[in-house]
């Protein structure tokens, strides 16, 4: 039987979990030699750190108003405004970081739910096959046939009508609707990988040795999905961030007194951006985040060599 890790002998006993761990270590060593991927990872970690510490990094509260109305970056009345102020005299640095905190929190939560649904339903569909696969794939096809943005807006409007501004209700509603419109394509990808894995010799040997389905799934199938899931999550994050920003921009997502990048884009959009150029700071961080995640996802896909597995 061919070893799943290059450099291992055919006689060396390597479990799927150990193989996955060794492969993860190999990917990390390769990533450190990939300048673009490492730069993207560094940028993302810095963004997560700065937005997570938004309340401590900014000298002003994100909702505090001042007499410095629409001032460019710099000092005003003895106070420093790194990104300038908006029409209400609010510090754009504080608001941009706070908005990023909310957007990233929602995006990571939605991607986590996406992965859980993709793992559960995709694995069941691919491993059990038969009628289970048929039913789940018809559900996936129905969801993928509906225009995603239309479905997103319709469900978000329904949720927004019932949440009545409560933060956790809005948060759970947005996360739920983002997960609803994104899990189906990921489940199909997981299904395809599981269909290939279930025919591997070590899986057939485990089944012949009396191993149950649950044991095979936990010990052999899932560890071999690790690379795929990491890449899927990284590539799904930019999509989720854009969708959340669209919802908030249209008034169907996060609303005051809470803010997100999408809501900031709605509030700071004014006709004369050439004069008030510093209002675009949320756009810059949004662009930087999406670009870094896209580069990191592409780098991880190449490092995990998923194209060769497809």
C-alpha atoms as a PDB file:
ATOM      1  CA  UNK A   1       0.000   0.000   0.000  1.00  0.00           C
ATOM      2  CA  UNK A   2       1.345   3.401  -0.960  1.00  0.00           C
ATOM      3  CA  UNK A   3       2.126   5.621   1.986  1.00  0.00           C
ATOM      4  CA  UNK A   4       0.139   8.894   2.025  1.00  0.00           C
ATOM      5  CA  UNK A   5       3.270  10.808   3.066  1.00  0.00           C
ATOM      6  CA  UNK A   6       6.183  11.100   0.710  1.00  0.00           C
ATOM      7  CA  UNK A   7       9.355   9.649   2.198  1.00  0.00           C
ATOM      8  CA  UNK A   8       7.678   6.969   4.319  1.00  0.00           C
ATOM      9  CA  UNK A   9       8.364   3.341   3.566  1.00  0.00           C
ATOM     10  CA  UNK A  10       5.494   1.056   2.623  1.00  0.00           C
ATOM     11  CA  UNK A  11       6.090  -1.079   5.696  1.00  0.00           C
ATOM     12  CA  UNK A  12       6.032   1.769   8.210  1.00  0.00           C
ATOM     13  CA  UNK A  13       2.722   1.796  10.111  1.00  0.00           C
ATOM     14  CA  UNK A  14       1.257   5.272   9.719  1.00  0.00           C
ATOM     15  CA  UNK A  15      -2.292   6.020  10.844  1.00  0.00           C
ATOM     16  CA  UNK A  16      -4.425   8.552   8.994  1.00  0.00           C
ATOM     17  CA  UNK A  17      -4.187  10.919  11.964  1.00  0.00           C
ATOM     18  CA  UNK A  18      -0.382  10.740  12.099  1.00  0.00           C
ATOM     19  CA  UNK A  19      -0.238  11.169   8.335  1.00  0.00           C
ATOM     20  CA  UNK A  20      -2.397  14.278   8.596  1.00  0.00           C
ATOM     21  CA  UNK A  21      -0.172  15.701  11.357  1.00  0.00           C
ATOM     22  CA  UNK A  22       3.012  15.039   9.397  1.00  0.00           C
ATOM     23  CA  UNK A  23       1.466  16.530   6.280  1.00  0.00           C
ATOM     24  CA  UNK A  24       0.410  19.624   8.243  1.00  0.00           C
ATOM     25  CA  UNK A  25       3.994  20.044   9.463  1.00  0.00           C
ATOM     26  CA  UNK A  26       5.249  19.702   5.884  1.00  0.00           C
ATOM     27  CA  UNK A  27       2.739  22.316   4.680  1.00  0.00           C
ATOM     28  CA  UNK A  28       3.846  24.752   7.390  1.00  0.00           C
ATOM     29  CA  UNK A  29       7.487  24.384   6.363  1.00  0.00           C
ATOM     30  CA  UNK A  30       6.517  25.026   2.755  1.00  0.00           C
ATOM     31  CA  UNK A  31       4.372  28.019   3.716  1.00  0.00           C
ATOM     32  CA  UNK A  32       7.328  29.627   5.499  1.00  0.00           C
ATOM     33  CA  UNK A  33       9.186  29.485   2.185  1.00  0.00           C
ATOM     34  CA  UNK A  34       6.233  30.995   0.300  1.00  0.00           C
ATOM     35  CA  UNK A  35       6.739  34.762   0.582  1.00  0.00           C
ATOM     36  CA  UNK A  36       3.299  35.829  -0.662  1.00  0.00           C
ATOM     37  CA  UNK A  37       1.411  33.275   1.415  1.00  0.00           C
ATOM     38  CA  UNK A  38       3.385  34.107   4.552  1.00  0.00           C
ATOM     39  CA  UNK A  39       2.846  37.845   4.014  1.00  0.00           C
ATOM     40  CA  UNK A  40      -0.905  37.240   3.606  1.00  0.00           C
ATOM     41  CA  UNK A  41      -1.016  35.146   6.795  1.00  0.00           C
ATOM     42  CA  UNK A  42       0.889  37.852   8.690  1.00  0.00           C
ATOM     43  CA  UNK A  43      -1.486  40.553   7.444  1.00  0.00           C
ATOM     44  CA  UNK A  44      -4.531  38.531   8.492  1.00  0.00           C
ATOM     45  CA  UNK A  45      -3.125  37.838  11.961  1.00  0.00           C
ATOM     46  CA  UNK A  46      -2.372  41.549  12.416  1.00  0.00           C
ATOM     47  CA  UNK A  47      -5.884  42.480  11.289  1.00  0.00           C
ATOM     48  CA  UNK A  48      -7.463  39.985  13.677  1.00  0.00           C
ATOM     49  CA  UNK A  49      -5.251  41.217  16.522  1.00  0.00           C
ATOM     50  CA  UNK A  50      -5.878  44.929  15.926  1.00  0.00           C
ATOM     51  CA  UNK A  51      -9.628  44.578  15.467  1.00  0.00           C
ATOM     52  CA  UNK A  52      -9.839  42.289  18.491  1.00  0.00           C
ATOM     53  CA  UNK A  53      -8.091  44.941  20.586  1.00  0.00           C
ATOM     54  CA  UNK A  54     -10.081  47.815  19.065  1.00  0.00           C
ATOM     55  CA  UNK A  55     -11.306  49.133  22.415  1.00  0.00           C
ATOM     56  CA  UNK A  56      -7.738  49.382  23.750  1.00  0.00           C
ATOM     57  CA  UNK A  57      -5.858  50.555  20.653  1.00  0.00           C
ATOM     58  CA  UNK A  58      -7.989  53.589  19.911  1.00  0.00           C
ATOM     59  CA  UNK A  59      -7.765  56.698  22.125  1.00  0.00           C
ATOM     60  CA  UNK A  60     -11.460  57.425  21.403  1.00  0.00           C
ATOM     61  CA  UNK A  61     -14.661  55.445  21.717  1.00  0.00           C
ATOM     62  CA  UNK A  62     -16.142  54.429  18.390  1.00  0.00           C
ATOM     63  CA  UNK A  63     -19.478  56.123  19.193  1.00  0.00           C
ATOM     64  CA  UNK A  64     -18.096  59.269  20.877  1.00  0.00           C
ATOM     65  CA  UNK A  65     -18.745  62.543  19.059  1.00  0.00           C
ATOM     66  CA  UNK A  66     -16.525  65.624  19.053  1.00  0.00           C
ATOM     67  CA  UNK A  67     -16.463  69.162  17.675  1.00  0.00           C
ATOM     68  CA  UNK A  68     -13.966  68.065  14.982  1.00  0.00           C
ATOM     69  CA  UNK A  69     -16.393  67.470  12.115  1.00  0.00           C
ATOM     70  CA  UNK A  70     -15.088  65.865   8.900  1.00  0.00           C
ATOM     71  CA  UNK A  71     -11.453  66.474   9.786  1.00  0.00           C
ATOM     72  CA  UNK A  72      -8.623  64.740   7.859  1.00  0.00           C
ATOM     73  CA  UNK A  73      -6.123  62.509   9.693  1.00  0.00           C
ATOM     74  CA  UNK A  74      -4.055  64.437  12.195  1.00  0.00           C
ATOM     75  CA  UNK A  75      -4.552  66.581  15.286  1.00  0.00           C
ATOM     76  CA  UNK A  76      -7.693  68.560  15.974  1.00  0.00           C
ATOM     77  CA  UNK A  77      -8.178  70.572  19.173  1.00  0.00           C
ATOM     78  CA  UNK A  78      -5.238  68.740  20.715  1.00  0.00           C
ATOM     79  CA  UNK A  79      -6.629  65.275  19.945  1.00  0.00           C
ATOM     80  CA  UNK A  80      -5.126  62.766  17.499  1.00  0.00           C
ATOM     81  CA  UNK A  81      -7.433  61.226  14.892  1.00  0.00           C
ATOM     82  CA  UNK A  82      -5.398  58.664  12.907  1.00  0.00           C
ATOM     83  CA  UNK A  83      -8.049  58.139  10.200  1.00  0.00           C
ATOM     84  CA  UNK A  84      -9.754  61.505  10.585  1.00  0.00           C
ATOM     85  CA  UNK A  85     -13.351  62.085  11.654  1.00  0.00           C
ATOM     86  CA  UNK A  86     -16.760  61.772  10.001  1.00  0.00           C
ATOM     87  CA  UNK A  87     -19.683  64.190   9.713  1.00  0.00           C
ATOM     88  CA  UNK A  88     -20.545  63.712  13.406  1.00  0.00           C
ATOM     89  CA  UNK A  89     -16.990  64.150  14.654  1.00  0.00           C
ATOM     90  CA  UNK A  90     -16.564  60.431  15.375  1.00  0.00           C
ATOM     91  CA  UNK A  91     -13.095  58.916  15.181  1.00  0.00           C
ATOM     92  CA  UNK A  92     -12.880  56.836  11.980  1.00  0.00           C
ATOM     93  CA  UNK A  93      -9.930  54.836  13.311  1.00  0.00           C
ATOM     94  CA  UNK A  94     -11.983  53.609  16.252  1.00  0.00           C
ATOM     95  CA  UNK A  95     -15.048  53.001  14.099  1.00  0.00           C
ATOM     96  CA  UNK A  96     -13.093  51.141  11.426  1.00  0.00           C
ATOM     97  CA  UNK A  97     -11.459  48.815  13.959  1.00  0.00           C
ATOM     98  CA  UNK A  98     -14.750  48.253  15.786  1.00  0.00           C
ATOM     99  CA  UNK A  99     -16.517  47.566  12.499  1.00  0.00           C
ATOM    100  CA  UNK A 100     -13.818  45.083  11.541  1.00  0.00           C
ATOM    101  CA  UNK A 101     -14.231  43.343  14.885  1.00  0.00           C
ATOM    102  CA  UNK A 102     -17.921  42.782  14.192  1.00  0.00           C
ATOM    103  CA  UNK A 103     -17.449  41.795  10.544  1.00  0.00           C
ATOM    104  CA  UNK A 104     -14.677  39.288  11.270  1.00  0.00           C
ATOM    105  CA  UNK A 105     -16.560  37.863  14.261  1.00  0.00           C
ATOM    106  CA  UNK A 106     -19.595  37.231  12.084  1.00  0.00           C
ATOM    107  CA  UNK A 107     -17.490  35.872   9.197  1.00  0.00           C
ATOM    108  CA  UNK A 108     -15.528  33.390  11.331  1.00  0.00           C
ATOM    109  CA  UNK A 109     -18.722  32.208  13.038  1.00  0.00           C
ATOM    110  CA  UNK A 110     -20.528  31.697   9.724  1.00  0.00           C
ATOM    111  CA  UNK A 111     -17.573  29.822   8.214  1.00  0.00           C
ATOM    112  CA  UNK A 112     -17.408  27.555  11.268  1.00  0.00           C
ATOM    113  CA  UNK A 113     -21.069  26.626  10.851  1.00  0.00           C
ATOM    114  CA  UNK A 114     -20.511  26.169   7.093  1.00  0.00           C
ATOM    115  CA  UNK A 115     -17.709  23.711   7.749  1.00  0.00           C
ATOM    116  CA  UNK A 116     -19.690  21.765  10.328  1.00  0.00           C
ATOM    117  CA  UNK A 117     -22.604  21.395   7.918  1.00  0.00           C
ATOM    118  CA  UNK A 118     -20.289  20.554   5.026  1.00  0.00           C
ATOM    119  CA  UNK A 119     -18.446  17.920   7.064  1.00  0.00           C
ATOM    120  CA  UNK A 120     -21.616  16.322   8.416  1.00  0.00           C
ATOM    121  CA  UNK A 121     -23.751  16.287   5.286  1.00  0.00           C
ATOM    122  CA  UNK A 122     -20.939  15.919   2.757  1.00  0.00           C
ATOM    123  CA  UNK A 123     -19.380  13.008   4.637  1.00  0.00           C
ATOM    124  CA  UNK A 124     -22.716  11.234   5.072  1.00  0.00           C
ATOM    125  CA  UNK A 125     -23.531  11.726   1.412  1.00  0.00           C
ATOM    126  CA  UNK A 126     -20.171  10.487   0.177  1.00  0.00           C
ATOM    127  CA  UNK A 127     -19.630   7.627   2.613  1.00  0.00           C
ATOM    128  CA  UNK A 128     -23.114   6.139   2.858  1.00  0.00           C
ATOM    129  CA  UNK A 129     -24.026   6.793  -0.798  1.00  0.00           C
ATOM    130  CA  UNK A 130     -27.283   5.202  -1.987  1.00  0.00           C
ATOM    131  CA  UNK A 131     -30.555   6.860  -1.034  1.00  0.00           C
ATOM    132  CA  UNK A 132     -28.898   9.133   1.546  1.00  0.00           C
ATOM    133  CA  UNK A 133     -26.603  10.520  -1.135  1.00  0.00           C
ATOM    134  CA  UNK A 134     -29.492  10.941  -3.569  1.00  0.00           C
ATOM    135  CA  UNK A 135     -31.655  12.926  -1.120  1.00  0.00           C
ATOM    136  CA  UNK A 136     -28.853  15.155   0.149  1.00  0.00           C
ATOM    137  CA  UNK A 137     -27.617  15.933  -3.350  1.00  0.00           C
ATOM    138  CA  UNK A 138     -31.098  16.953  -4.484  1.00  0.00           C
ATOM    139  CA  UNK A 139     -31.269  19.360  -1.536  1.00  0.00           C
ATOM    140  CA  UNK A 140     -27.847  20.733  -2.465  1.00  0.00           C
ATOM    141  CA  UNK A 141     -28.903  21.205  -6.083  1.00  0.00           C
ATOM    142  CA  UNK A 142     -32.072  23.057  -5.079  1.00  0.00           C
ATOM    143  CA  UNK A 143     -30.140  25.453  -2.838  1.00  0.00           C
ATOM    144  CA  UNK A 144     -27.471  26.035  -5.477  1.00  0.00           C
ATOM    145  CA  UNK A 145     -30.121  26.716  -8.126  1.00  0.00           C
ATOM    146  CA  UNK A 146     -31.629  29.624  -6.160  1.00  0.00           C
ATOM    147  CA  UNK A 147     -29.844  32.971  -6.766  1.00  0.00           C
ATOM    148  CA  UNK A 148     -27.760  33.320  -3.645  1.00  0.00           C
ATOM    149  CA  UNK A 149     -28.054  37.072  -3.145  1.00  0.00           C
ATOM    150  CA  UNK A 150     -31.839  36.976  -3.578  1.00  0.00           C
ATOM    151  CA  UNK A 151     -32.132  34.151  -1.039  1.00  0.00           C
ATOM    152  CA  UNK A 152     -29.779  35.969   1.321  1.00  0.00           C
ATOM    153  CA  UNK A 153     -31.753  39.213   1.180  1.00  0.00           C
ATOM    154  CA  UNK A 154     -35.128  37.490   1.532  1.00  0.00           C
ATOM    155  CA  UNK A 155     -34.146  35.484   4.601  1.00  0.00           C
ATOM    156  CA  UNK A 156     -32.257  38.447   6.116  1.00  0.00           C
ATOM    157  CA  UNK A 157     -35.342  40.654   5.725  1.00  0.00           C
ATOM    158  CA  UNK A 158     -37.489  38.067   7.515  1.00  0.00           C
ATOM    159  CA  UNK A 159     -34.960  37.729  10.329  1.00  0.00           C
ATOM    160  CA  UNK A 160     -34.510  41.500  10.630  1.00  0.00           C
ATOM    161  CA  UNK A 161     -38.272  41.908  10.990  1.00  0.00           C
ATOM    162  CA  UNK A 162     -38.311  39.679  14.075  1.00  0.00           C
ATOM    163  CA  UNK A 163     -35.043  40.549  15.816  1.00  0.00           C
ATOM    164  CA  UNK A 164     -36.091  44.145  16.645  1.00  0.00           C
ATOM    165  CA  UNK A 165     -32.518  45.359  17.089  1.00  0.00           C
ATOM    166  CA  UNK A 166     -31.394  42.963  19.828  1.00  0.00           C
ATOM    167  CA  UNK A 167     -27.645  42.414  19.306  1.00  0.00           C
ATOM    168  CA  UNK A 168     -27.461  38.665  19.817  1.00  0.00           C
ATOM    169  CA  UNK A 169     -30.622  38.076  17.802  1.00  0.00           C
ATOM    170  CA  UNK A 170     -29.194  40.127  14.937  1.00  0.00           C
ATOM    171  CA  UNK A 171     -25.833  38.383  15.239  1.00  0.00           C
ATOM    172  CA  UNK A 172     -27.303  34.875  15.277  1.00  0.00           C
ATOM    173  CA  UNK A 173     -29.663  35.783  12.458  1.00  0.00           C
ATOM    174  CA  UNK A 174     -26.897  37.103  10.205  1.00  0.00           C
ATOM    175  CA  UNK A 175     -24.607  34.157  10.947  1.00  0.00           C
ATOM    176  CA  UNK A 176     -27.452  31.739  10.288  1.00  0.00           C
ATOM    177  CA  UNK A 177     -28.450  33.249   6.960  1.00  0.00           C
ATOM    178  CA  UNK A 178     -24.836  33.449   5.772  1.00  0.00           C
ATOM    179  CA  UNK A 179     -24.326  29.795   6.675  1.00  0.00           C
ATOM    180  CA  UNK A 180     -27.581  28.830   4.955  1.00  0.00           C
ATOM    181  CA  UNK A 181     -26.555  30.183   1.562  1.00  0.00           C
ATOM    182  CA  UNK A 182     -22.971  28.884   1.626  1.00  0.00           C
ATOM    183  CA  UNK A 183     -22.874  25.334   2.989  1.00  0.00           C
ATOM    184  CA  UNK A 184     -24.211  23.532  -0.096  1.00  0.00           C
ATOM    185  CA  UNK A 185     -21.205  24.030  -2.453  1.00  0.00           C
ATOM    186  CA  UNK A 186     -18.818  23.104   0.347  1.00  0.00           C
ATOM    187  CA  UNK A 187     -20.777  19.954   1.175  1.00  0.00           C
ATOM    188  CA  UNK A 188     -20.507  18.889  -2.471  1.00  0.00           C
ATOM    189  CA  UNK A 189     -16.724  19.339  -2.378  1.00  0.00           C
ATOM    190  CA  UNK A 190     -16.455  17.271   0.825  1.00  0.00           C
ATOM    191  CA  UNK A 191     -18.677  14.582  -0.723  1.00  0.00           C
ATOM    192  CA  UNK A 192     -16.370  14.280  -3.718  1.00  0.00           C
ATOM    193  CA  UNK A 193     -13.320  13.874  -1.517  1.00  0.00           C
ATOM    194  CA  UNK A 194     -15.018  11.296   0.725  1.00  0.00           C
ATOM    195  CA  UNK A 195     -16.143   9.304  -2.335  1.00  0.00           C
ATOM    196  CA  UNK A 196     -12.486   9.036  -3.354  1.00  0.00           C
ATOM    197  CA  UNK A 197     -11.253   8.218   0.163  1.00  0.00           C
ATOM    198  CA  UNK A 198     -13.763   5.430   0.800  1.00  0.00           C
ATOM    199  CA  UNK A 199     -12.193   3.429  -2.029  1.00  0.00           C
ATOM    200  CA  UNK A 200      -8.644   3.701  -0.675  1.00  0.00           C
ATOM    201  CA  UNK A 201      -6.964   0.429   0.301  1.00  0.00           C
ATOM    202  CA  UNK A 202      -6.460   1.332   3.960  1.00  0.00           C
ATOM    203  CA  UNK A 203     -10.165   2.177   4.299  1.00  0.00           C
ATOM    204  CA  UNK A 204     -11.150  -1.134   2.729  1.00  0.00           C
ATOM    205  CA  UNK A 205      -8.649  -2.935   4.976  1.00  0.00           C
ATOM    206  CA  UNK A 206     -10.105  -1.259   8.073  1.00  0.00           C
ATOM    207  CA  UNK A 207     -13.606  -2.221   6.986  1.00  0.00           C
ATOM    208  CA  UNK A 208     -12.516  -5.812   6.340  1.00  0.00           C
ATOM    209  CA  UNK A 209     -10.891  -5.892   9.778  1.00  0.00           C
ATOM    210  CA  UNK A 210     -14.250  -5.213  11.415  1.00  0.00           C
ATOM    211  CA  UNK A 211     -13.982  -1.460  11.993  1.00  0.00           C
ATOM    212  CA  UNK A 212     -17.353   0.277  12.217  1.00  0.00           C
ATOM    213  CA  UNK A 213     -18.456   3.187  10.076  1.00  0.00           C
ATOM    214  CA  UNK A 214     -18.081   5.703  12.913  1.00  0.00           C
ATOM    215  CA  UNK A 215     -14.550   4.500  13.672  1.00  0.00           C
ATOM    216  CA  UNK A 216     -13.562   4.758  10.003  1.00  0.00           C
ATOM    217  CA  UNK A 217     -15.040   8.244   9.710  1.00  0.00           C
ATOM    218  CA  UNK A 218     -13.304   9.580  12.830  1.00  0.00           C
ATOM    219  CA  UNK A 219      -9.945   7.821  12.505  1.00  0.00           C
ATOM    220  CA  UNK A 220      -9.419   7.689   8.754  1.00  0.00           C
ATOM    221  CA  UNK A 221     -11.779   9.906   6.746  1.00  0.00           C
ATOM    222  CA  UNK A 222     -11.868  13.136   8.781  1.00  0.00           C
ATOM    223  CA  UNK A 223      -8.084  13.421   9.367  1.00  0.00           C
ATOM    224  CA  UNK A 224      -7.583  13.211   5.600  1.00  0.00           C
ATOM    225  CA  UNK A 225     -10.033  16.095   5.087  1.00  0.00           C
ATOM    226  CA  UNK A 226      -8.012  18.513   7.229  1.00  0.00           C
ATOM    227  CA  UNK A 227      -6.155  20.199   4.380  1.00  0.00           C
ATOM    228  CA  UNK A 228      -9.276  20.491   2.268  1.00  0.00           C
ATOM    229  CA  UNK A 229     -11.254  22.026   5.141  1.00  0.00           C
ATOM    230  CA  UNK A 230      -8.542  24.583   5.931  1.00  0.00           C
ATOM    231  CA  UNK A 231      -8.434  25.711   2.304  1.00  0.00           C
ATOM    232  CA  UNK A 232     -12.238  25.783   2.055  1.00  0.00           C
ATOM    233  CA  UNK A 233     -12.488  27.926   5.191  1.00  0.00           C
ATOM    234  CA  UNK A 234      -9.804  30.355   4.011  1.00  0.00           C
ATOM    235  CA  UNK A 235     -11.393  30.779   0.590  1.00  0.00           C
ATOM    236  CA  UNK A 236     -14.921  31.062   2.052  1.00  0.00           C
ATOM    237  CA  UNK A 237     -14.027  33.902   4.438  1.00  0.00           C
ATOM    238  CA  UNK A 238     -13.699  36.635   1.751  1.00  0.00           C
ATOM    239  CA  UNK A 239     -17.026  35.589   0.274  1.00  0.00           C
ATOM    240  CA  UNK A 240     -18.739  35.713   3.667  1.00  0.00           C
ATOM    241  CA  UNK A 241     -17.211  39.114   4.465  1.00  0.00           C
ATOM    242  CA  UNK A 242     -18.459  40.552   1.165  1.00  0.00           C
ATOM    243  CA  UNK A 243     -21.962  39.147   1.695  1.00  0.00           C
ATOM    244  CA  UNK A 244     -22.141  40.511   5.249  1.00  0.00           C
ATOM    245  CA  UNK A 245     -21.001  43.915   4.007  1.00  0.00           C
ATOM    246  CA  UNK A 246     -23.697  43.872   1.320  1.00  0.00           C
ATOM    247  CA  UNK A 247     -26.375  43.006   3.886  1.00  0.00           C
ATOM    248  CA  UNK A 248     -25.310  45.766   6.269  1.00  0.00           C
ATOM    249  CA  UNK A 249     -24.931  48.259   3.426  1.00  0.00           C
ATOM    250  CA  UNK A 250     -28.525  47.538   2.358  1.00  0.00           C
ATOM    251  CA  UNK A 251     -29.810  47.897   5.918  1.00  0.00           C
ATOM    252  CA  UNK A 252     -30.512  44.174   6.420  1.00  0.00           C
ATOM    253  CA  UNK A 253     -27.553  43.392   8.643  1.00  0.00           C
ATOM    254  CA  UNK A 254     -25.791  45.083  11.541  1.00  0.00           C
ATOM    255  CA  UNK A 255     -27.357  48.398  12.576  1.00  0.00           C
ATOM    256  CA  UNK A 256     -26.515  51.138  15.076  1.00  0.00           C
ATOM    257  CA  UNK A 257     -25.502  51.203  17.871  1.00  0.00           C
ATOM    258  CA  UNK A 258     -23.398  48.280  16.574  1.00  0.00           C
ATOM    259  CA  UNK A 259     -21.322  48.746  13.462  1.00  0.00           C
ATOM    260  CA  UNK A 260     -19.618  46.663  10.789  1.00  0.00           C
ATOM    261  CA  UNK A 261     -17.609  47.513   7.694  1.00  0.00           C
ATOM    262  CA  UNK A 262     -20.743  47.255   5.569  1.00  0.00           C
ATOM    263  CA  UNK A 263     -22.617  49.705   7.775  1.00  0.00           C
ATOM    264  CA  UNK A 264     -19.646  52.088   7.704  1.00  0.00           C
ATOM    265  CA  UNK A 265     -19.680  51.990   3.913  1.00  0.00           C
ATOM    266  CA  UNK A 266     -23.349  52.961   4.020  1.00  0.00           C
ATOM    267  CA  UNK A 267     -22.824  55.783   6.517  1.00  0.00           C
ATOM    268  CA  UNK A 268     -19.642  57.250   5.068  1.00  0.00           C
ATOM    269  CA  UNK A 269     -20.679  57.234   1.407  1.00  0.00           C
ATOM    270  CA  UNK A 270     -20.855  60.875   0.365  1.00  0.00           C
ATOM    271  CA  UNK A 271     -20.802  62.530  -3.084  1.00  0.00           C
ATOM    272  CA  UNK A 272     -17.479  64.366  -2.782  1.00  0.00           C
ATOM    273  CA  UNK A 273     -15.021  61.590  -1.891  1.00  0.00           C
ATOM    274  CA  UNK A 274     -12.209  63.516  -3.613  1.00  0.00           C
ATOM    275  CA  UNK A 275     -12.484  66.105  -0.855  1.00  0.00           C
ATOM    276  CA  UNK A 276     -13.219  63.703   2.016  1.00  0.00           C
ATOM    277  CA  UNK A 277     -10.870  60.902   0.916  1.00  0.00           C
ATOM    278  CA  UNK A 278     -10.244  59.659   4.464  1.00  0.00           C
ATOM    279  CA  UNK A 279     -13.821  58.370   4.585  1.00  0.00           C
ATOM    280  CA  UNK A 280     -12.585  55.415   2.531  1.00  0.00           C
ATOM    281  CA  UNK A 281     -10.609  53.865   5.422  1.00  0.00           C
ATOM    282  CA  UNK A 282     -13.182  51.036   5.883  1.00  0.00           C
ATOM    283  CA  UNK A 283     -12.905  50.299   2.153  1.00  0.00           C
ATOM    284  CA  UNK A 284      -9.131  50.030   2.446  1.00  0.00           C
ATOM    285  CA  UNK A 285      -9.227  47.555   5.337  1.00  0.00           C
ATOM    286  CA  UNK A 286     -12.020  45.581   3.682  1.00  0.00           C
ATOM    287  CA  UNK A 287      -9.964  45.359   0.474  1.00  0.00           C
ATOM    288  CA  UNK A 288      -6.814  44.411   2.392  1.00  0.00           C
ATOM    289  CA  UNK A 289      -8.605  41.652   4.322  1.00  0.00           C
ATOM    290  CA  UNK A 290     -10.259  40.114   1.263  1.00  0.00           C
ATOM    291  CA  UNK A 291      -7.048  40.269  -0.781  1.00  0.00           C
ATOM    292  CA  UNK A 292      -4.925  38.721   1.979  1.00  0.00           C
ATOM    293  CA  UNK A 293      -7.423  35.894   2.536  1.00  0.00           C
ATOM    294  CA  UNK A 294      -7.598  35.190  -1.192  1.00  0.00           C
ATOM    295  CA  UNK A 295      -3.797  35.031  -1.508  1.00  0.00           C
ATOM    296  CA  UNK A 296      -3.538  32.827   1.576  1.00  0.00           C
ATOM    297  CA  UNK A 297      -6.238  30.484   0.285  1.00  0.00           C
ATOM    298  CA  UNK A 298      -4.491  30.116  -3.074  1.00  0.00           C
ATOM    299  CA  UNK A 299      -1.161  29.480  -1.343  1.00  0.00           C
ATOM    300  CA  UNK A 300      -2.647  26.839   0.962  1.00  0.00           C
ATOM    301  CA  UNK A 301      -4.400  25.133  -1.937  1.00  0.00           C
ATOM    302  CA  UNK A 302      -1.078  24.777  -3.741  1.00  0.00           C
ATOM    303  CA  UNK A 303       0.773  23.724  -0.574  1.00  0.00           C
ATOM    304  CA  UNK A 304      -1.762  21.042   0.282  1.00  0.00           C
ATOM    305  CA  UNK A 305      -1.635  20.003  -3.387  1.00  0.00           C
ATOM    306  CA  UNK A 306      -5.420  19.771  -3.580  1.00  0.00           C
ATOM    307  CA  UNK A 307      -5.388  20.205  -7.351  1.00  0.00           C
ATOM    308  CA  UNK A 308      -3.557  16.921  -7.637  1.00  0.00           C
ATOM    309  CA  UNK A 309      -6.171  15.241  -5.450  1.00  0.00           C
ATOM    310  CA  UNK A 310      -9.130  16.559  -7.471  1.00  0.00           C
END
